[in-house]
Amino acid sequence: MQFPEPLIEARLIRRYKRFLADVILQDGSQTTVSVPNTGSMLGLTAEGSRVFLSHSNDPKRKYAHRLEIVEADDTLVGINTGLPNRLAEEAIRAGLVSDLAAYPVLKREQRYGERSRIDMLLEAADRACAYVEVKNVHFMREPGLAEFPDTVTERGARHLHELIGMRAAGHRAIMIYLVQRGDCDRFRLCGDLDPAYAAAFAQASAAGVEAYAIKCQITPEAIRPDRLIDIVR
């Protein structure tokens, strides 16, 4: 995924109200930017961190700048949770995820289960449908080990139970963990921060739900799915 224009470098002052952050631009001016991430962003909000912003001239947007990347642990980390579905689709079409590239039909944001929308529904005439759920990953405590989630996510656990239902109905059910940082070569469920999610993942795995973790390469010009990495217990 190529950014339409190179991102703008700045320094983080603080993140607040989940959706906002104050930054200092390179000319020394201060501005408020939108933060497209409702999570805790644990480990990614240190004052003075180098950050990268996109810019829009759309007059309908309240904030012209949007936070896209944070530098942490000497690497660039993508924090925009609006991008993982697009990146996961790129990974699928590039053949990085099992045989999913062989499905001729890919539908986005389809209703399924009791009260959910699946990120991607893959269809083919000669095989079972594949329901694909995507999660953004940017949390790291141990060098090289990406973890999810970084806080309690009841919604995430519900999605796993919905996938179990799809698997019981005879479909393929797939979790993709999109690791938006280039310094991790392993992935693990963060059971100490959200035991309920870890338990739901264990149930899903036992029920036949597939899981893949994809590492991305991050630059101020582009974010690209790179390769599968190991999921460790």
Protein backbone atom coordinates (compact mmCIF):
# COMPACT_ATOMS: atom_id res chain seq x y z
CA MET A 1 0.00 0.00 0.00
CA GLN A 2 1.60 3.21 -1.21
CA PHE A 3 0.73 6.46 0.51
CA PRO A 4 -0.58 9.02 -2.02
CA GLU A 5 2.12 11.44 -0.82
CA PRO A 6 5.14 10.98 1.45
CA LEU A 7 4.17 11.34 5.08
CA ILE A 8 5.04 14.43 7.13
CA GLU A 9 7.45 14.02 10.03
CA ALA A 10 6.56 15.49 13.44
CA ARG A 11 7.11 14.96 17.17
CA LEU A 12 4.40 13.71 19.49
CA ILE A 13 3.39 15.92 22.42
CA ARG A 14 0.53 13.80 23.74
CA ARG A 15 -2.33 11.56 22.70
CA TYR A 16 -5.71 12.13 24.34
CA LYS A 17 -9.42 11.32 24.00
CA ARG A 18 -8.35 8.25 21.98
CA PHE A 19 -8.93 10.02 18.66
CA LEU A 20 -6.67 13.08 19.05
CA ALA A 21 -3.01 13.95 19.48
CA ASP A 22 -0.99 17.14 19.64
CA VAL A 23 2.25 17.25 17.65
CA ILE A 24 5.03 19.65 16.76
CA LEU A 25 5.70 19.97 13.05
CA GLN A 26 9.18 20.38 11.62
CA ASP A 27 8.72 24.15 11.29
CA GLY A 28 8.15 24.34 15.05
CA SER A 29 4.41 24.93 14.89
CA GLN A 30 1.99 22.88 16.98
CA THR A 31 -1.17 21.26 15.64
CA THR A 32 -3.84 18.75 16.61
CA VAL A 33 -4.14 15.61 14.49
CA SER A 34 -6.67 12.80 14.31
CA VAL A 35 -5.66 9.35 15.60
CA PRO A 36 -7.31 6.48 13.64
CA ASN A 37 -6.96 3.97 16.47
CA THR A 38 -9.39 3.38 19.33
CA GLY A 39 -7.08 1.02 21.21
CA SER A 40 -4.70 1.74 24.04
CA MET A 41 -1.63 2.03 21.74
CA LEU A 42 0.36 0.69 24.67
CA GLY A 43 4.05 1.58 24.32
CA LEU A 44 3.45 3.92 21.38
CA THR A 45 2.53 7.26 22.97
CA ALA A 46 5.76 8.46 24.61
CA GLU A 47 6.19 12.22 24.55
CA GLY A 48 8.76 13.29 21.97
CA SER A 49 8.33 10.21 19.78
CA ARG A 50 8.93 10.74 16.09
CA VAL A 51 5.67 10.35 14.20
CA PHE A 52 4.54 10.54 10.60
CA LEU A 53 1.33 12.18 9.40
CA SER A 54 -0.78 12.12 6.27
CA HIS A 55 -2.38 15.35 5.10
CA SER A 56 -5.68 16.08 3.40
CA ASN A 57 -7.06 19.24 1.83
CA ASP A 58 -10.64 17.99 2.24
CA PRO A 59 -12.57 20.92 3.79
CA LYS A 60 -15.00 18.46 5.42
CA ARG A 61 -12.26 17.07 7.66
CA LYS A 62 -11.96 18.80 11.03
CA TYR A 63 -8.26 17.93 11.29
CA ALA A 64 -6.11 18.17 8.17
CA HIS A 65 -3.43 15.82 9.52
CA ARG A 66 -3.83 12.18 10.55
CA LEU A 67 -1.39 10.08 12.54
CA GLU A 68 -0.20 7.08 10.50
CA ILE A 69 3.12 5.87 11.92
CA VAL A 70 4.93 6.10 15.25
CA GLU A 71 8.61 5.38 15.82
CA ALA A 72 9.09 3.11 18.84
CA ASP A 73 11.84 0.67 19.86
CA ASP A 74 13.93 1.98 16.93
CA THR A 75 11.39 0.84 14.35
CA LEU A 76 8.39 2.31 12.54
CA VAL A 77 4.96 1.12 13.67
CA GLY A 78 1.75 1.54 11.68
CA ILE A 79 -1.12 2.55 13.97
CA ASN A 80 -3.94 3.27 11.50
CA THR A 81 -6.52 0.54 12.14
CA GLY A 82 -8.31 1.50 8.94
CA LEU A 83 -5.51 -0.04 6.86
CA PRO A 84 -5.18 -3.71 7.96
CA ASN A 85 -8.10 -4.97 5.83
CA ARG A 86 -6.54 -3.42 2.75
CA LEU A 87 -3.11 -4.80 3.65
CA ALA A 88 -4.54 -8.25 4.35
CA GLU A 89 -6.25 -8.21 0.96
CA GLU A 90 -2.92 -7.35 -0.66
CA ALA A 91 -1.31 -10.25 1.21
CA ILE A 92 -4.03 -12.65 0.07
CA ARG A 93 -3.77 -11.58 -3.57
CA ALA A 94 0.02 -11.90 -3.38
CA GLY A 95 -0.32 -15.52 -2.30
CA LEU A 96 1.03 -15.04 1.23
CA VAL A 97 -1.91 -16.71 3.00
CA SER A 98 -2.46 -20.41 2.35
CA ASP A 99 -4.42 -20.94 -0.89
CA LEU A 100 -6.69 -17.90 -0.47
CA ALA A 101 -5.40 -16.28 -3.66
CA ALA A 102 -7.18 -19.05 -5.60
CA TYR A 103 -10.63 -17.75 -4.60
CA PRO A 104 -11.99 -15.72 -7.54
CA VAL A 105 -14.49 -13.68 -5.53
CA LEU A 106 -13.63 -11.44 -2.59
CA LYS A 107 -16.39 -9.48 -0.85
CA ARG A 108 -15.75 -6.91 1.87
CA GLU A 109 -17.71 -6.15 5.04
CA GLN A 110 -20.39 -8.83 4.72
CA ARG A 111 -22.94 -9.47 7.48
CA TYR A 112 -22.63 -12.88 9.13
CA GLY A 113 -23.29 -14.66 12.38
CA GLU A 114 -25.61 -13.05 14.89
CA ARG A 115 -24.53 -9.40 14.83
CA SER A 116 -21.21 -9.05 13.08
CA ARG A 117 -19.63 -8.12 9.78
CA ILE A 118 -16.83 -10.23 8.38
CA ASP A 119 -13.87 -8.29 7.01
CA MET A 120 -13.64 -10.46 3.89
CA LEU A 121 -15.74 -13.26 2.45
CA LEU A 122 -14.02 -15.37 -0.21
CA GLU A 123 -16.14 -17.46 -2.56
CA ALA A 124 -15.48 -20.08 -5.23
CA ALA A 125 -17.73 -22.57 -7.01
CA ASP A 126 -15.56 -25.58 -6.20
CA ARG A 127 -14.79 -25.10 -2.49
CA ALA A 128 -16.17 -23.94 0.83
CA CYS A 129 -16.54 -20.22 1.46
CA ALA A 130 -13.76 -18.63 3.53
CA TYR A 131 -14.68 -16.12 6.24
CA VAL A 132 -11.67 -13.92 7.01
CA GLU A 133 -11.35 -11.68 10.08
CA VAL A 134 -8.40 -9.25 10.32
CA LYS A 135 -6.82 -7.75 13.44
CA ASN A 136 -4.19 -5.02 13.60
CA VAL A 137 -1.12 -5.79 15.73
CA HIS A 138 1.39 -3.19 16.93
CA PHE A 139 2.19 -4.24 20.52
CA MET A 140 5.61 -5.59 21.52
CA ARG A 141 7.07 -6.20 24.99
CA GLU A 142 9.70 -8.82 24.21
CA PRO A 143 12.09 -8.05 21.33
CA GLY A 144 10.93 -9.72 18.15
CA LEU A 145 7.59 -10.89 19.59
CA ALA A 146 4.37 -9.18 18.48
CA GLU A 147 1.34 -9.63 20.73
CA PHE A 148 -2.42 -9.15 20.49
CA PRO A 149 -4.45 -7.71 22.09
CA ASP A 150 -2.87 -4.86 24.08
CA THR A 151 -6.06 -4.41 26.11
CA VAL A 152 -9.33 -6.26 26.74
CA THR A 153 -11.37 -6.69 23.54
CA GLU A 154 -14.79 -8.21 24.05
CA ARG A 155 -15.57 -7.47 20.41
CA GLY A 156 -12.52 -9.47 19.33
CA ALA A 157 -13.60 -12.47 21.41
CA ARG A 158 -17.08 -12.25 19.89
CA HIS A 159 -15.57 -12.39 16.41
CA LEU A 160 -13.73 -15.59 17.31
CA HIS A 161 -16.97 -17.18 18.51
CA GLU A 162 -18.68 -16.10 15.28
CA LEU A 163 -15.90 -17.79 13.31
CA ILE A 164 -16.39 -20.97 15.32
CA GLY A 165 -20.02 -20.87 14.18
CA MET A 166 -19.00 -20.51 10.54
CA ARG A 167 -16.62 -23.44 10.87
CA ALA A 168 -19.39 -25.56 12.43
CA ALA A 169 -21.57 -24.67 9.44
CA GLY A 170 -19.01 -26.20 7.08
CA HIS A 171 -17.17 -23.06 5.95
CA ARG A 172 -13.52 -22.14 6.32
CA ALA A 173 -12.90 -19.60 9.08
CA ILE A 174 -9.66 -17.62 9.19
CA MET A 175 -7.99 -15.11 11.48
CA ILE A 176 -5.30 -12.86 10.03
CA TYR A 177 -3.13 -10.92 12.47
CA LEU A 178 -1.57 -8.04 10.53
CA VAL A 179 1.65 -7.02 12.29
CA GLN A 180 2.29 -3.38 11.40
CA ARG A 181 5.90 -3.29 12.54
CA GLY A 182 9.03 -4.62 10.91
CA ASP A 183 10.96 -5.76 13.99
CA CYS A 184 8.92 -8.86 14.88
CA ASP A 185 9.42 -12.37 13.55
CA ARG A 186 7.00 -14.14 15.94
CA PHE A 187 3.44 -13.58 17.14
CA ARG A 188 1.66 -14.58 20.35
CA LEU A 189 -1.75 -14.11 21.94
CA CYS A 190 -1.51 -11.78 24.92
CA GLY A 191 -3.21 -13.96 27.51
CA ASP A 192 -2.20 -11.96 30.57
CA LEU A 193 -3.85 -8.75 29.34
CA ASP A 194 -6.99 -10.46 28.02
CA PRO A 195 -7.44 -14.04 29.25
CA ALA A 196 -10.94 -14.23 27.74
CA TYR A 197 -9.62 -13.49 24.25
CA ALA A 198 -6.84 -16.05 24.64
CA ALA A 199 -9.39 -18.63 25.77
CA ALA A 200 -11.64 -17.83 22.80
CA PHE A 201 -8.65 -18.21 20.46
CA ALA A 202 -7.87 -21.62 21.95
CA GLN A 203 -11.49 -22.70 21.42
CA ALA A 204 -11.38 -21.41 17.84
CA SER A 205 -8.15 -23.26 17.08
CA ALA A 206 -9.61 -26.49 18.46
CA ALA A 207 -12.69 -25.98 16.27
CA GLY A 208 -10.58 -25.69 13.12
CA VAL A 209 -10.36 -21.91 12.72
CA GLU A 210 -7.16 -21.13 10.82
CA ALA A 211 -4.80 -18.40 12.04
CA TYR A 212 -1.99 -16.58 10.23
CA ALA A 213 0.29 -13.73 11.29
CA ILE A 214 1.70 -11.45 8.60
CA LYS A 215 4.63 -9.13 9.15
CA CYS A 216 4.67 -5.79 7.32
CA GLN A 217 7.50 -3.56 6.18
CA ILE A 218 6.88 0.07 7.16
CA THR A 219 8.33 3.22 5.58
CA PRO A 220 7.03 6.82 5.34
CA GLU A 221 6.26 6.05 1.70
CA ALA A 222 4.48 2.70 1.95
CA ILE A 223 3.31 -0.17 4.14
CA ARG A 224 3.66 -3.57 2.50
CA PRO A 225 2.80 -7.10 3.66
CA ASP A 226 6.07 -8.99 3.74
CA ARG A 227 5.74 -12.59 4.91
CA LEU A 228 4.11 -15.00 7.32
CA ILE A 229 5.65 -15.26 10.76
CA ASP A 230 5.33 -18.01 13.37
CA ILE A 231 2.47 -18.04 15.88
CA VAL A 232 3.92 -19.24 19.19
CA ARG A 233 2.10 -20.41 22.32
